[in-house]
């Protein structure tokens, strides 16, 4: 998802989310999340966060 907000002061934003897990009878049981949040104001300031998690897989 992305877009703009505000009339006098423009804020650009992006938000992403994904989730992954094992499939069917895979012996490696895992879950992982991914998310990315960004915002930009007038191209003079930018704030971002990008996170990729991993499950604590124990064979």
N, C-alpha and C. Protein backbone atom coordinates (compact mmCIF):
# COMPACT_ATOMS: atom_id res chain seq x y z
N UNK A 1 0.85 -1.16 0.00
CA UNK A 1 0.00 0.00 0.00
C UNK A 1 0.90 1.22 0.00
N UNK A 2 0.56 2.21 -0.80
CA UNK A 2 1.31 3.46 -0.81
C UNK A 2 0.38 4.59 -1.20
N UNK A 3 0.78 5.81 -0.93
CA UNK A 3 -0.06 6.95 -1.28
C UNK A 3 0.50 8.23 -0.71
N UNK A 4 -0.33 9.28 -0.73
CA UNK A 4 0.05 10.58 -0.19
C UNK A 4 -1.00 11.03 0.81
N UNK A 5 -0.61 11.93 1.69
CA UNK A 5 -1.51 12.44 2.71
C UNK A 5 -1.22 13.92 2.92
N UNK A 6 -2.24 14.74 3.02
CA UNK A 6 -2.08 16.15 3.33
C UNK A 6 -2.15 17.04 2.10
N UNK A 7 -2.60 18.27 2.29
CA UNK A 7 -2.68 19.23 1.20
C UNK A 7 -1.53 20.23 1.24
N UNK A 8 -1.29 20.86 2.40
CA UNK A 8 -0.23 21.87 2.51
C UNK A 8 1.15 21.22 2.62
N UNK A 9 1.25 20.18 3.39
CA UNK A 9 2.50 19.45 3.57
C UNK A 9 2.28 18.03 3.09
N UNK A 10 3.00 17.61 2.08
CA UNK A 10 2.83 16.27 1.51
C UNK A 10 3.63 15.23 2.29
N UNK A 11 2.99 14.16 2.64
CA UNK A 11 3.62 12.99 3.23
C UNK A 11 3.41 11.84 2.26
N UNK A 12 4.47 11.18 1.86
CA UNK A 12 4.38 9.97 1.05
C UNK A 12 4.58 8.78 1.98
N UNK A 13 3.83 7.71 1.78
CA UNK A 13 3.99 6.56 2.67
C UNK A 13 3.91 5.26 1.90
N UNK A 14 4.54 4.23 2.48
CA UNK A 14 4.52 2.87 1.95
C UNK A 14 4.40 1.91 3.12
N UNK A 15 3.56 0.90 2.99
CA UNK A 15 3.42 -0.15 4.01
C UNK A 15 3.33 -1.50 3.29
N UNK A 16 4.18 -2.45 3.68
CA UNK A 16 4.19 -3.78 3.08
C UNK A 16 4.20 -4.83 4.18
N UNK A 17 3.54 -5.97 3.93
CA UNK A 17 3.55 -7.08 4.88
C UNK A 17 3.47 -8.38 4.10
N UNK A 18 4.24 -9.37 4.53
CA UNK A 18 4.18 -10.71 3.94
C UNK A 18 4.39 -11.74 5.05
N UNK A 19 3.84 -12.93 4.84
CA UNK A 19 3.96 -14.01 5.81
C UNK A 19 4.27 -15.29 5.04
N UNK A 20 5.19 -16.09 5.56
CA UNK A 20 5.58 -17.33 4.90
C UNK A 20 5.60 -18.45 5.92
N UNK A 21 5.16 -19.64 5.50
CA UNK A 21 5.21 -20.80 6.38
C UNK A 21 5.50 -22.05 5.55
N UNK A 22 5.77 -23.15 6.24
CA UNK A 22 6.04 -24.40 5.55
C UNK A 22 4.80 -24.89 4.80
N UNK A 23 5.00 -25.82 3.87
CA UNK A 23 3.92 -26.30 3.02
C UNK A 23 3.69 -27.79 3.22
N UNK A 24 2.45 -28.16 3.35
CA UNK A 24 1.99 -29.56 3.48
C UNK A 24 2.75 -30.32 4.55
N UNK A 25 3.38 -31.44 4.18
CA UNK A 25 4.04 -32.34 5.14
C UNK A 25 5.53 -32.06 5.27
N UNK A 26 5.95 -30.85 5.06
CA UNK A 26 7.36 -30.49 5.18
C UNK A 26 7.81 -30.73 6.62
N UNK A 27 8.89 -31.50 6.83
CA UNK A 27 9.36 -31.76 8.19
C UNK A 27 9.95 -30.51 8.86
N UNK A 28 10.31 -29.52 8.07
CA UNK A 28 10.84 -28.27 8.62
C UNK A 28 9.68 -27.31 8.86
N UNK A 29 9.15 -27.30 10.06
CA UNK A 29 8.02 -26.45 10.40
C UNK A 29 8.53 -25.05 10.74
N UNK A 30 8.08 -24.03 9.99
CA UNK A 30 8.54 -22.67 10.26
C UNK A 30 7.50 -21.64 9.85
N UNK A 31 7.63 -20.47 10.41
CA UNK A 31 6.82 -19.30 10.07
C UNK A 31 7.77 -18.10 10.06
N UNK A 32 7.58 -17.19 9.12
CA UNK A 32 8.40 -15.98 9.06
C UNK A 32 7.54 -14.81 8.59
N UNK A 33 7.75 -13.66 9.19
CA UNK A 33 7.04 -12.44 8.82
C UNK A 33 8.01 -11.45 8.19
N UNK A 34 7.49 -10.61 7.31
CA UNK A 34 8.26 -9.53 6.70
C UNK A 34 7.38 -8.29 6.70
N UNK A 35 7.93 -7.15 7.13
CA UNK A 35 7.18 -5.92 6.98
C UNK A 35 8.13 -4.76 6.71
N UNK A 36 7.62 -3.78 5.99
CA UNK A 36 8.38 -2.61 5.59
C UNK A 36 7.48 -1.40 5.75
N UNK A 37 7.94 -0.38 6.48
CA UNK A 37 7.20 0.86 6.68
C UNK A 37 8.11 2.02 6.31
N UNK A 38 7.62 2.92 5.48
CA UNK A 38 8.40 4.08 5.08
C UNK A 38 7.50 5.31 4.99
N UNK A 39 8.08 6.45 5.29
CA UNK A 39 7.38 7.72 5.09
C UNK A 39 8.41 8.76 4.66
N UNK A 40 7.99 9.66 3.80
CA UNK A 40 8.86 10.72 3.29
C UNK A 40 8.11 12.03 3.34
N UNK A 41 8.76 13.09 3.81
CA UNK A 41 8.15 14.41 3.86
C UNK A 41 9.01 15.37 3.05
N UNK A 42 8.46 15.91 1.99
CA UNK A 42 9.11 16.94 1.18
C UNK A 42 10.52 16.58 0.70
N UNK A 43 10.84 15.34 0.61
CA UNK A 43 12.14 14.85 0.17
C UNK A 43 13.31 15.38 0.99
N UNK A 44 13.03 15.97 2.15
CA UNK A 44 14.11 16.42 3.02
C UNK A 44 14.29 15.52 4.23
N UNK A 45 13.29 14.72 4.52
CA UNK A 45 13.37 13.79 5.64
C UNK A 45 12.75 12.47 5.20
N UNK A 46 13.39 11.37 5.57
CA UNK A 46 12.86 10.06 5.23
C UNK A 46 13.07 9.12 6.41
N UNK A 47 12.04 8.37 6.73
CA UNK A 47 12.08 7.41 7.83
C UNK A 47 11.68 6.06 7.27
N UNK A 48 12.45 5.03 7.56
CA UNK A 48 12.13 3.70 7.04
C UNK A 48 12.48 2.60 8.03
N UNK A 49 11.76 1.49 7.92
CA UNK A 49 12.02 0.32 8.74
C UNK A 49 11.70 -0.90 7.90
N UNK A 50 12.62 -1.85 7.84
CA UNK A 50 12.47 -3.05 7.04
C UNK A 50 12.85 -4.22 7.94
N UNK A 51 11.94 -5.16 8.19
CA UNK A 51 12.18 -6.25 9.13
C UNK A 51 11.86 -7.58 8.46
N UNK A 52 12.79 -8.53 8.54
CA UNK A 52 12.58 -9.89 8.06
C UNK A 52 12.84 -10.81 9.23
N UNK A 53 11.81 -11.48 9.71
CA UNK A 53 11.94 -12.37 10.86
C UNK A 53 12.20 -13.79 10.40
N UNK A 54 12.67 -14.61 11.30
CA UNK A 54 12.87 -16.04 11.03
C UNK A 54 12.38 -16.84 12.23
N UNK A 55 11.83 -17.99 11.96
CA UNK A 55 11.34 -18.86 13.01
C UNK A 55 12.53 -19.55 13.69
N UNK A 56 12.37 -19.94 14.93
CA UNK A 56 13.42 -20.67 15.66
C UNK A 56 13.31 -22.15 15.31
N UNK A 57 13.80 -22.51 14.14
CA UNK A 57 13.70 -23.89 13.63
C UNK A 57 14.61 -24.80 14.42
N UNK A 58 14.07 -25.91 14.91
CA UNK A 58 14.81 -26.92 15.64
C UNK A 58 14.64 -28.24 14.90
N UNK A 59 15.68 -28.74 14.20
CA UNK A 59 15.54 -30.01 13.44
C UNK A 59 15.29 -31.20 14.35
